[in-house]
């Protein structure tokens, strides 16, 4: 059976044990919100690692029909989480 590498994040109250890439994902999340602004009824911003330095960033907010993703980006970020490229470009909307 092939071995599968997984990243686990366990939270218990104020204690958090995170995978090494968690910090980079947090930096990306903050950078997107700073550039975009805070959408009304924001639920969360998910940063999904894809491969190498590529990530999918989805901004979740409450819409007229429940939860929706009004903003979504395919980003390239360096090891520190600095966004080097985004498609579409992250622009101030809120």
N, C-alpha and C. Protein backbone atom coordinates (compact mmCIF):
# COMPACT_ATOMS: atom_id res chain seq x y z
N UNK A 1 0.85 -1.18 0.00
CA UNK A 1 0.00 0.00 0.00
C UNK A 1 0.89 1.24 0.00
N UNK A 2 0.65 2.21 -0.90
CA UNK A 2 1.49 3.41 -0.95
C UNK A 2 1.26 4.29 0.27
N UNK A 3 2.33 4.96 0.69
CA UNK A 3 2.21 5.88 1.81
C UNK A 3 1.69 7.22 1.30
N UNK A 4 0.80 7.81 2.05
CA UNK A 4 0.23 9.10 1.70
C UNK A 4 0.63 10.09 2.78
N UNK A 5 1.21 11.23 2.36
CA UNK A 5 1.56 12.28 3.31
C UNK A 5 0.34 13.16 3.53
N UNK A 6 0.05 13.45 4.77
CA UNK A 6 -1.09 14.30 5.08
C UNK A 6 -0.64 15.42 5.99
N UNK A 7 -1.38 16.53 5.95
CA UNK A 7 -1.16 17.64 6.86
C UNK A 7 -2.36 17.69 7.79
N UNK A 8 -2.09 17.63 9.07
CA UNK A 8 -3.17 17.65 10.04
C UNK A 8 -3.09 18.91 10.88
N UNK A 9 -4.23 19.47 11.16
CA UNK A 9 -4.31 20.61 12.06
C UNK A 9 -5.29 20.22 13.15
N UNK A 10 -4.83 20.20 14.38
CA UNK A 10 -5.68 19.85 15.51
C UNK A 10 -5.85 21.08 16.38
N UNK A 11 -7.08 21.39 16.72
CA UNK A 11 -7.36 22.54 17.57
C UNK A 11 -8.09 22.07 18.82
N UNK A 12 -7.69 22.59 19.95
CA UNK A 12 -8.35 22.29 21.21
C UNK A 12 -8.35 23.57 22.04
N UNK A 13 -9.46 24.28 22.00
CA UNK A 13 -9.54 25.55 22.72
C UNK A 13 -8.55 26.55 22.16
N UNK A 14 -7.67 27.06 23.02
CA UNK A 14 -6.68 28.03 22.58
C UNK A 14 -5.38 27.38 22.12
N UNK A 15 -5.30 26.06 22.19
CA UNK A 15 -4.08 25.35 21.81
C UNK A 15 -4.23 24.87 20.38
N UNK A 16 -3.23 25.14 19.56
CA UNK A 16 -3.28 24.72 18.17
C UNK A 16 -1.97 24.06 17.79
N UNK A 17 -2.07 22.90 17.18
CA UNK A 17 -0.91 22.19 16.65
C UNK A 17 -1.07 22.23 15.15
N UNK A 18 -0.12 22.82 14.43
CA UNK A 18 -0.30 23.03 13.00
C UNK A 18 0.83 22.43 12.20
N UNK A 19 0.52 22.11 10.95
CA UNK A 19 1.52 21.65 10.00
C UNK A 19 2.42 22.83 9.64
N UNK A 20 3.65 22.57 9.17
CA UNK A 20 4.60 23.65 8.87
C UNK A 20 4.08 24.68 7.86
N UNK A 21 3.29 24.28 6.90
CA UNK A 21 2.80 25.23 5.89
C UNK A 21 1.69 26.13 6.40
N UNK A 22 1.19 25.89 7.59
CA UNK A 22 0.07 26.67 8.11
C UNK A 22 0.41 28.16 8.18
N UNK A 23 1.63 28.50 8.60
CA UNK A 23 2.02 29.90 8.69
C UNK A 23 1.97 30.55 7.32
N UNK A 24 2.47 29.88 6.30
CA UNK A 24 2.45 30.44 4.95
C UNK A 24 1.02 30.67 4.49
N UNK A 25 0.15 29.73 4.77
CA UNK A 25 -1.26 29.88 4.39
C UNK A 25 -1.91 31.05 5.13
N UNK A 26 -1.56 31.24 6.40
CA UNK A 26 -2.09 32.37 7.17
C UNK A 26 -1.63 33.70 6.58
N UNK A 27 -0.37 33.78 6.16
CA UNK A 27 0.16 35.01 5.55
C UNK A 27 -0.59 35.31 4.24
N UNK A 28 -0.84 34.29 3.44
CA UNK A 28 -1.59 34.46 2.19
C UNK A 28 -3.01 34.95 2.49
N UNK A 29 -3.66 34.34 3.48
CA UNK A 29 -5.03 34.72 3.86
C UNK A 29 -5.09 36.19 4.24
N UNK A 30 -4.17 36.63 5.07
CA UNK A 30 -4.15 38.03 5.52
C UNK A 30 -3.89 38.97 4.35
N UNK A 31 -2.96 38.61 3.47
CA UNK A 31 -2.62 39.47 2.32
C UNK A 31 -3.82 39.63 1.38
N UNK A 32 -4.56 38.56 1.15
CA UNK A 32 -5.74 38.65 0.28
C UNK A 32 -6.78 39.56 0.90
N UNK A 33 -7.05 39.40 2.19
CA UNK A 33 -8.04 40.26 2.84
C UNK A 33 -7.61 41.72 2.89
N UNK A 34 -6.32 41.97 3.07
CA UNK A 34 -5.84 43.36 3.08
C UNK A 34 -6.02 43.99 1.72
N UNK A 35 -5.74 43.27 0.65
CA UNK A 35 -5.86 43.82 -0.70
C UNK A 35 -7.32 43.92 -1.13
N UNK A 36 -8.13 42.94 -0.77
CA UNK A 36 -9.53 42.88 -1.21
C UNK A 36 -10.44 43.76 -0.37
N UNK A 37 -10.15 43.84 0.91
CA UNK A 37 -11.07 44.46 1.85
C UNK A 37 -11.90 43.36 2.49
N UNK A 38 -12.70 43.71 3.48
CA UNK A 38 -13.51 42.71 4.19
C UNK A 38 -14.93 42.69 3.62
N UNK A 39 -15.30 41.58 2.98
CA UNK A 39 -16.66 41.49 2.43
C UNK A 39 -17.69 41.52 3.55
N UNK A 40 -18.86 42.10 3.28
CA UNK A 40 -19.92 42.04 4.29
C UNK A 40 -20.31 40.58 4.50
N UNK A 41 -20.62 40.22 5.71
CA UNK A 41 -21.04 38.85 6.03
C UNK A 41 -19.96 37.81 5.73
N UNK A 42 -18.69 38.18 5.94
CA UNK A 42 -17.58 37.25 5.73
C UNK A 42 -17.73 36.04 6.64
N UNK A 43 -17.57 34.85 6.07
CA UNK A 43 -17.59 33.61 6.85
C UNK A 43 -16.16 33.16 7.12
N UNK A 44 -15.37 33.00 6.05
CA UNK A 44 -13.98 32.58 6.19
C UNK A 44 -13.25 32.76 4.87
N UNK A 45 -11.93 32.67 4.94
CA UNK A 45 -11.08 32.67 3.75
C UNK A 45 -10.29 31.36 3.79
N UNK A 46 -10.55 30.50 2.81
CA UNK A 46 -9.83 29.22 2.77
C UNK A 46 -8.65 29.33 1.81
N UNK A 47 -7.52 28.81 2.24
CA UNK A 47 -6.31 28.77 1.42
C UNK A 47 -5.96 27.30 1.23
N UNK A 48 -6.11 26.82 0.01
CA UNK A 48 -5.91 25.41 -0.27
C UNK A 48 -4.62 25.20 -1.05
N UNK A 49 -3.65 24.49 -0.47
CA UNK A 49 -2.41 24.23 -1.20
C UNK A 49 -2.70 23.28 -2.36
N UNK A 50 -2.17 23.60 -3.53
CA UNK A 50 -2.37 22.76 -4.70
C UNK A 50 -1.11 21.96 -4.99
N UNK A 51 -0.10 22.60 -5.54
CA UNK A 51 1.20 21.96 -5.77
C UNK A 51 2.26 23.03 -5.74
N UNK A 52 3.44 22.66 -5.28
CA UNK A 52 4.55 23.60 -5.22
C UNK A 52 4.17 24.88 -4.52
N UNK A 53 4.27 25.99 -5.24
CA UNK A 53 3.97 27.31 -4.68
C UNK A 53 2.61 27.85 -5.12
N UNK A 54 1.70 26.95 -5.55
CA UNK A 54 0.37 27.33 -6.06
C UNK A 54 -0.70 27.05 -5.02
N UNK A 55 -1.65 28.00 -4.89
CA UNK A 55 -2.74 27.90 -3.91
C UNK A 55 -4.05 28.38 -4.53
N UNK A 56 -5.15 27.82 -4.07
CA UNK A 56 -6.49 28.34 -4.39
C UNK A 56 -6.97 29.05 -3.15
N UNK A 57 -7.40 30.30 -3.30
CA UNK A 57 -7.91 31.08 -2.18
C UNK A 57 -9.38 31.37 -2.46
N UNK A 58 -10.27 30.90 -1.58
CA UNK A 58 -11.70 31.14 -1.71
C UNK A 58 -12.16 32.00 -0.54
N UNK A 59 -12.87 33.08 -0.86
CA UNK A 59 -13.43 33.96 0.16
C UNK A 59 -14.91 33.59 0.29
N UNK A 60 -15.28 33.07 1.44
CA UNK A 60 -16.65 32.63 1.70
C UNK A 60 -17.42 33.74 2.43
N UNK A 61 -18.64 34.00 1.98
CA UNK A 61 -19.49 35.00 2.62
C UNK A 61 -20.95 34.52 2.54
N UNK A 62 -21.77 35.06 3.42
CA UNK A 62 -23.19 34.74 3.38
C UNK A 62 -23.84 35.55 2.27
N UNK A 63 -24.51 34.85 1.36
CA UNK A 63 -25.21 35.50 0.26
C UNK A 63 -26.71 35.36 0.44
N UNK A 64 -27.47 35.74 -0.56
CA UNK A 64 -28.93 35.67 -0.48
C UNK A 64 -29.43 34.23 -0.40
N UNK A 65 -28.64 33.27 -0.88
CA UNK A 65 -29.04 31.87 -0.85
C UNK A 65 -28.17 31.03 0.08
N UNK A 66 -27.58 31.66 1.08
CA UNK A 66 -26.71 30.94 2.01
C UNK A 66 -25.25 31.24 1.74
N UNK A 67 -24.39 30.31 2.07
CA UNK A 67 -22.95 30.51 1.89
C UNK A 67 -22.60 30.53 0.42
N UNK A 68 -21.70 31.44 0.06
CA UNK A 68 -21.27 31.58 -1.33
C UNK A 68 -19.80 31.97 -1.36
N UNK A 69 -19.19 31.82 -2.53
CA UNK A 69 -17.80 32.23 -2.73
C UNK A 69 -17.81 33.40 -3.73
N UNK A 70 -17.92 34.63 -3.22
CA UNK A 70 -17.96 35.78 -4.14
C UNK A 70 -16.61 36.11 -4.76
N UNK A 71 -15.52 35.64 -4.15
CA UNK A 71 -14.18 35.94 -4.66
C UNK A 71 -13.32 34.68 -4.55
N UNK A 72 -12.62 34.36 -5.64
CA UNK A 72 -11.77 33.19 -5.68
C UNK A 72 -10.53 33.51 -6.51
N UNK A 73 -9.37 33.08 -6.03
CA UNK A 73 -8.10 33.41 -6.69
C UNK A 73 -7.20 32.19 -6.77
N UNK A 74 -6.43 32.11 -7.85
CA UNK A 74 -5.36 31.14 -8.01
C UNK A 74 -4.08 31.93 -7.80
N UNK A 75 -3.37 31.65 -6.71
CA UNK A 75 -2.20 32.47 -6.38
C UNK A 75 -0.92 31.65 -6.36
N UNK A 76 0.18 32.35 -6.65
CA UNK A 76 1.52 31.82 -6.51
C UNK A 76 2.17 32.60 -5.37
N UNK A 77 2.73 31.88 -4.38
CA UNK A 77 3.33 32.54 -3.22
C UNK A 77 4.69 31.93 -2.94
N UNK A 78 5.60 32.77 -2.43
CA UNK A 78 6.94 32.27 -2.08
C UNK A 78 6.88 31.54 -0.73
N UNK A 79 8.02 31.09 -0.25
CA UNK A 79 8.09 30.31 0.99
C UNK A 79 7.61 31.07 2.22
N UNK A 80 7.69 32.41 2.16
CA UNK A 80 7.24 33.23 3.28
C UNK A 80 5.75 33.55 3.20
N UNK A 81 5.10 33.21 2.08
CA UNK A 81 3.68 33.49 1.91
C UNK A 81 3.40 34.77 1.14
N UNK A 82 4.43 35.46 0.68
CA UNK A 82 4.23 36.67 -0.11
C UNK A 82 3.65 36.27 -1.47
N UNK A 83 2.55 36.90 -1.83
CA UNK A 83 1.89 36.58 -3.10
C UNK A 83 2.69 37.20 -4.23
N UNK A 84 3.14 36.37 -5.15
CA UNK A 84 3.92 36.82 -6.30
C UNK A 84 3.05 37.03 -7.53
N UNK A 85 1.94 36.29 -7.62
CA UNK A 85 1.04 36.41 -8.77
C UNK A 85 -0.34 35.92 -8.34
N UNK A 86 -1.37 36.51 -8.93
CA UNK A 86 -2.73 36.11 -8.64
C UNK A 86 -3.57 36.20 -9.92
N UNK A 87 -4.41 35.20 -10.10
CA UNK A 87 -5.32 35.20 -11.26
C UNK A 87 -6.72 34.91 -10.75
N UNK A 88 -7.67 35.81 -10.87
CA UNK A 88 -7.49 37.18 -11.33
C UNK A 88 -6.71 37.98 -10.28
N UNK A 89 -6.23 39.15 -10.67
CA UNK A 89 -5.53 40.00 -9.69
C UNK A 89 -6.44 40.37 -8.52
N UNK A 90 -5.89 40.37 -7.32
CA UNK A 90 -6.67 40.76 -6.14
C UNK A 90 -6.73 42.29 -6.13
N UNK A 91 -7.96 42.82 -6.19
CA UNK A 91 -8.17 44.26 -6.21
C UNK A 91 -9.14 44.64 -5.11
N UNK A 92 -9.03 45.87 -4.65
CA UNK A 92 -9.92 46.38 -3.58
C UNK A 92 -11.37 46.35 -4.08
N UNK A 93 -12.22 45.64 -3.34
CA UNK A 93 -13.65 45.57 -3.69
C UNK A 93 -14.54 46.00 -2.54
N UNK A 94 -14.01 45.97 -1.33
CA UNK A 94 -14.88 46.22 -0.17
C UNK A 94 -14.26 47.31 0.70
